[in-house]
Amino acid sequence: MIALPARRRRSTGVVVALIGGGALLLSGCAAATSPAPSEVAASTPAATTGDTVPTAPSALEHVHNLGLEGATLLIGSHEGLWEQQSGGVPRPRAEVVFDVMGLARDGDRWLASGHPGADMEAPGNLGLRESRDGGTTWSEVSLSGEVDFHRLVASGSTVMGMSAGDGKLLRSTDDGTTWQDLGSPPLFDLAIDPDSATIVIGTTPDGPVRSTDGGTTFVPIAGAPLLALLAWDTSAFIGISSTGLVHRSTDAGVTWTSLGKLEGPATALAVSSEAVVALVGDTIVESTDGGMSFVPRLRGVGAH
């Protein structure tokens, strides 16, 4: 569960509270294991009378993040990267299982970070990895053995990530090859403008903050709602509060409009031109009206 601390008037309390809360949520996992084919095949739609929402296979557990390719859902988990077509049962997408702690779409490639699976010979922290075939195969980009990103965002040639080990915000302007240390701002989540990599929005216990210099400095957004999770692509910029209130910004995070409300706190969020999806409890819910209303898309999902 995402539980951001209440607003504080003193900034010294913000840093301590956020780092403490973030450490609990962003803790690492043990080595991932490859799901047995029988576990995947055994999953069937929910048995509840009149309920046609599919149930996740038992092998799909510890879900960390969500992604969208149009209406196709990608699920980053302790047991690798999975995909779900609307109304269908999720299936593994990546050929080799690894613990997908961070996930971001970057044009025609997917980026990820995390920990190696049982069948991988790799250091405990995978650094930045990329896939150029939709997430089926992955290769190392940089920082292998050094960093485990639990938050990843990208815009053009700029990639930004929050390191789970030390809380540092790192930025690359050459597609993730080399990195600049931007310090340890007290951010819980972050999003980057898909049209301008200099604009970055972050969430904190005192409310969202905005950067116009690529994450080097941040200032509070006056009058903004207290947000926890962010998702931004060319179609929409969505923020969700720790209580499940959904908001949208159409001016790069300066102002926000209230939309719908989830039935509880969300632990993962993604947006595309086709949908808004969020993980609430053990259910992934979906909105096809821009975040005004949500319906279950997948039940029985094991959150981190």
Foldseek 3Di string as FASTA:
>chain_A
DDDADAADDDVVVQQVRLLVSLLVQLPADPAAEADDPCQQVPWAADPPPPGLFTAEGPSFAAWQAWEDDQQKIWTQAQFAIWIDHFSGYIDHQAPAGGRFLEWEDEVQKIKTWGAHHPPDDFAGTQQIWMDNPHRHYIDHQDQTNHFGFNYWEDAHQKIWGAGSPPQWIWIDNHNRNDIDTLGHDSFQYKYAANVQQQWMWGATSNAIWIGNGNNNDTDHQPPEDRFRYWEDDPQWTWTAHQFFWIWTDPPSPNDIDTAAGDPGGFSYWYDDQQWIWTHDPQFIWIDRPRRRDIDTRYGRHHHD
